[in-house]
Amino acid sequence: MDTEQFQAWSSCDGDGPVIVCFAGELDLAFADVAKRALLAVVTAGGPPIVVDVSGLTFIDAAGIRSIVAAQTAARLAEQPLRLVGARGVCEMILELLGLIEVDSPRRPVRAEISHGG
């Protein structure tokens, strides 16, 4: 499997939220990469975490488990974690599982990130 099928990166600008971005296919081959990227930014009482999943084209059960594990860790650390930007099949799956809320009207991903959840 090509290691460029999934990418994860994060950034933090001063007092704003920590932004973690995912792109590509989040499947069994890359679930641990995603989980490590998310858990690396979870800190007790830390700034909100915004996970931009707008670049995801696919997610399977292993990918979902990595997100749920990070949500659990963030909740225990009392650190808000919110997924934004889900599209297509990924949006349907994440919404069905209750991992995202679909807002109406929808704000652009940049607006979601600036609000930090």
C-alpha atoms as a PDB file:
ATOM      1  CA  MET A   1       0.000   0.000   0.000  1.00  0.00           C
ATOM      2  CA  ASP A   2       1.268   3.477  -0.906  1.00  0.00           C
ATOM      3  CA  THR A   3       2.147   5.490   2.214  1.00  0.00           C
ATOM      4  CA  GLU A   4       0.954   8.659   0.496  1.00  0.00           C
ATOM      5  CA  GLN A   5      -2.675   7.509   0.558  1.00  0.00           C
ATOM      6  CA  PHE A   6      -3.108   9.204   3.938  1.00  0.00           C
ATOM      7  CA  GLN A   7      -1.625  12.358   5.414  1.00  0.00           C
ATOM      8  CA  ALA A   8      -1.972  13.925   8.859  1.00  0.00           C
ATOM      9  CA  TRP A   9      -0.567  17.224  10.083  1.00  0.00           C
ATOM     10  CA  SER A  10      -1.300  19.704  12.843  1.00  0.00           C
ATOM     11  CA  SER A  11      -0.781  23.353  13.647  1.00  0.00           C
ATOM     12  CA  CYS A  12      -1.516  25.785  16.437  1.00  0.00           C
ATOM     13  CA  ASP A  13      -1.618  29.560  16.178  1.00  0.00           C
ATOM     14  CA  GLY A  14      -1.177  31.211  19.542  1.00  0.00           C
ATOM     15  CA  ASP A  15      -4.338  31.217  21.615  1.00  0.00           C
ATOM     16  CA  GLY A  16      -6.487  29.505  18.969  1.00  0.00           C
ATOM     17  CA  PRO A  17      -7.418  25.859  18.696  1.00  0.00           C
ATOM     18  CA  VAL A  18      -5.040  23.087  17.751  1.00  0.00           C
ATOM     19  CA  ILE A  19      -5.871  22.112  14.178  1.00  0.00           C
ATOM     20  CA  VAL A  20      -5.318  18.541  13.018  1.00  0.00           C
ATOM     21  CA  CYS A  21      -5.877  17.883   9.313  1.00  0.00           C
ATOM     22  CA  PHE A  22      -6.453  14.542   7.641  1.00  0.00           C
ATOM     23  CA  ALA A  23      -6.355  13.848   3.915  1.00  0.00           C
ATOM     24  CA  GLY A  24      -6.720  10.701   1.844  1.00  0.00           C
ATOM     25  CA  GLU A  25      -7.924   7.285   2.983  1.00  0.00           C
ATOM     26  CA  LEU A  26      -8.153   6.677   6.721  1.00  0.00           C
ATOM     27  CA  ASP A  27      -8.247   2.893   6.859  1.00  0.00           C
ATOM     28  CA  LEU A  28      -6.664   0.029   8.769  1.00  0.00           C
ATOM     29  CA  ALA A  29      -3.252   0.757   7.249  1.00  0.00           C
ATOM     30  CA  PHE A  30      -3.215   4.325   8.615  1.00  0.00           C
ATOM     31  CA  ALA A  31      -5.466   4.226  11.692  1.00  0.00           C
ATOM     32  CA  ASP A  32      -2.492   4.162  14.082  1.00  0.00           C
ATOM     33  CA  VAL A  33      -0.952   7.177  12.311  1.00  0.00           C
ATOM     34  CA  ALA A  34      -4.215   9.096  12.756  1.00  0.00           C
ATOM     35  CA  LYS A  35      -4.576   8.021  16.378  1.00  0.00           C
ATOM     36  CA  ARG A  36      -1.006   9.072  17.218  1.00  0.00           C
ATOM     37  CA  ALA A  37      -1.525  12.449  15.483  1.00  0.00           C
ATOM     38  CA  LEU A  38      -4.654  13.087  17.535  1.00  0.00           C
ATOM     39  CA  LEU A  39      -3.347  11.820  20.878  1.00  0.00           C
ATOM     40  CA  ALA A  40      -0.209  13.942  20.454  1.00  0.00           C
ATOM     41  CA  VAL A  41      -2.294  17.121  20.813  1.00  0.00           C
ATOM     42  CA  VAL A  42      -4.480  15.989  23.730  1.00  0.00           C
ATOM     43  CA  THR A  43      -3.349  17.691  26.944  1.00  0.00           C
ATOM     44  CA  ALA A  44      -5.205  18.217  30.209  1.00  0.00           C
ATOM     45  CA  GLY A  45      -7.145  21.453  29.941  1.00  0.00           C
ATOM     46  CA  GLY A  46      -5.446  22.274  26.641  1.00  0.00           C
ATOM     47  CA  PRO A  47      -6.887  24.384  23.847  1.00  0.00           C
ATOM     48  CA  PRO A  48      -9.784  23.053  21.784  1.00  0.00           C
ATOM     49  CA  ILE A  49      -8.880  20.563  19.063  1.00  0.00           C
ATOM     50  CA  VAL A  50     -10.424  20.985  15.632  1.00  0.00           C
ATOM     51  CA  VAL A  51      -9.998  17.991  13.336  1.00  0.00           C
ATOM     52  CA  ASP A  52     -10.394  19.032   9.704  1.00  0.00           C
ATOM     53  CA  VAL A  53     -11.499  15.913   7.831  1.00  0.00           C
ATOM     54  CA  SER A  54     -12.394  17.753   4.619  1.00  0.00           C
ATOM     55  CA  GLY A  55      -9.518  16.007   2.854  1.00  0.00           C
ATOM     56  CA  LEU A  56     -10.698  12.485   3.703  1.00  0.00           C
ATOM     57  CA  THR A  57     -11.944  10.451   0.771  1.00  0.00           C
ATOM     58  CA  PHE A  58     -12.547   7.225   2.715  1.00  0.00           C
ATOM     59  CA  ILE A  59     -12.835   6.027   6.305  1.00  0.00           C
ATOM     60  CA  ASP A  60     -13.297   2.491   7.631  1.00  0.00           C
ATOM     61  CA  ALA A  61     -13.961   1.012  11.078  1.00  0.00           C
ATOM     62  CA  ALA A  62     -10.288   1.219  12.068  1.00  0.00           C
ATOM     63  CA  GLY A  63     -10.202   4.911  11.169  1.00  0.00           C
ATOM     64  CA  ILE A  64     -13.363   5.522  13.149  1.00  0.00           C
ATOM     65  CA  ARG A  65     -11.851   3.717  16.165  1.00  0.00           C
ATOM     66  CA  SER A  66      -8.836   6.065  16.035  1.00  0.00           C
ATOM     67  CA  ILE A  67     -11.125   9.106  16.145  1.00  0.00           C
ATOM     68  CA  VAL A  68     -13.262   7.660  18.951  1.00  0.00           C
ATOM     69  CA  ALA A  69     -10.129   6.865  20.991  1.00  0.00           C
ATOM     70  CA  ALA A  70      -8.961  10.460  20.621  1.00  0.00           C
ATOM     71  CA  GLN A  71     -12.410  11.825  21.491  1.00  0.00           C
ATOM     72  CA  THR A  72     -12.410   9.703  24.648  1.00  0.00           C
ATOM     73  CA  ALA A  73      -8.923  10.870  25.634  1.00  0.00           C
ATOM     74  CA  ALA A  74      -9.850  14.506  24.969  1.00  0.00           C
ATOM     75  CA  ARG A  75     -13.040  14.198  27.017  1.00  0.00           C
ATOM     76  CA  LEU A  76     -11.050  12.732  29.947  1.00  0.00           C
ATOM     77  CA  ALA A  77      -8.563  15.603  29.612  1.00  0.00           C
ATOM     78  CA  GLU A  78     -11.478  18.074  29.546  1.00  0.00           C
ATOM     79  CA  GLN A  79     -10.292  19.297  26.161  1.00  0.00           C
ATOM     80  CA  PRO A  80     -12.938  19.940  23.488  1.00  0.00           C
ATOM     81  CA  LEU A  81     -12.456  18.011  20.234  1.00  0.00           C
ATOM     82  CA  ARG A  82     -14.602  18.643  17.186  1.00  0.00           C
ATOM     83  CA  LEU A  83     -14.586  17.192  13.671  1.00  0.00           C
ATOM     84  CA  VAL A  84     -15.266  19.626  10.831  1.00  0.00           C
ATOM     85  CA  GLY A  85     -15.423  19.580   7.057  1.00  0.00           C
ATOM     86  CA  ALA A  86     -16.664  16.027   6.494  1.00  0.00           C
ATOM     87  CA  ARG A  87     -17.974  15.433   2.978  1.00  0.00           C
ATOM     88  CA  GLY A  88     -19.678  12.754   0.948  1.00  0.00           C
ATOM     89  CA  VAL A  89     -19.607   9.211   2.285  1.00  0.00           C
ATOM     90  CA  CYS A  90     -17.327  10.210   5.158  1.00  0.00           C
ATOM     91  CA  GLU A  91     -19.879  12.793   6.273  1.00  0.00           C
ATOM     92  CA  MET A  92     -22.702  10.264   6.136  1.00  0.00           C
ATOM     93  CA  ILE A  93     -20.757   7.701   8.168  1.00  0.00           C
ATOM     94  CA  LEU A  94     -19.540  10.170  10.800  1.00  0.00           C
ATOM     95  CA  GLU A  95     -22.991  11.707  11.149  1.00  0.00           C
ATOM     96  CA  LEU A  96     -24.685   8.302  11.395  1.00  0.00           C
ATOM     97  CA  LEU A  97     -22.314   7.329  14.202  1.00  0.00           C
ATOM     98  CA  GLY A  98     -22.939  10.603  16.027  1.00  0.00           C
ATOM     99  CA  LEU A  99     -19.349  11.778  15.669  1.00  0.00           C
ATOM    100  CA  ILE A 100     -20.373  14.999  13.913  1.00  0.00           C
ATOM    101  CA  GLU A 101     -23.407  17.202  13.895  1.00  0.00           C
ATOM    102  CA  VAL A 102     -24.612  18.586  10.618  1.00  0.00           C
ATOM    103  CA  ASP A 103     -25.361  22.266  11.062  1.00  0.00           C
ATOM    104  CA  SER A 104     -27.806  24.165   8.912  1.00  0.00           C
ATOM    105  CA  PRO A 105     -26.736  26.453   7.411  1.00  0.00           C
ATOM    106  CA  ARG A 106     -23.214  25.115   7.229  1.00  0.00           C
ATOM    107  CA  ARG A 107     -20.253  27.289   7.969  1.00  0.00           C
ATOM    108  CA  PRO A 108     -17.109  26.964   5.867  1.00  0.00           C
ATOM    109  CA  VAL A 109     -14.314  24.889   7.422  1.00  0.00           C
ATOM    110  CA  ARG A 110     -12.288  28.066   8.082  1.00  0.00           C
ATOM    111  CA  ALA A 111     -15.144  29.497  10.137  1.00  0.00           C
ATOM    112  CA  GLU A 112     -15.392  26.235  12.116  1.00  0.00           C
ATOM    113  CA  ILE A 113     -11.663  26.285  12.805  1.00  0.00           C
ATOM    114  CA  SER A 114     -11.628  29.916  13.941  1.00  0.00           C
ATOM    115  CA  HIS A 115     -14.436  29.202  16.414  1.00  0.00           C
ATOM    116  CA  GLY A 116     -12.646  26.135  17.787  1.00  0.00           C
ATOM    117  CA  GLY A 117     -15.879  24.237  18.158  1.00  0.00           C
END
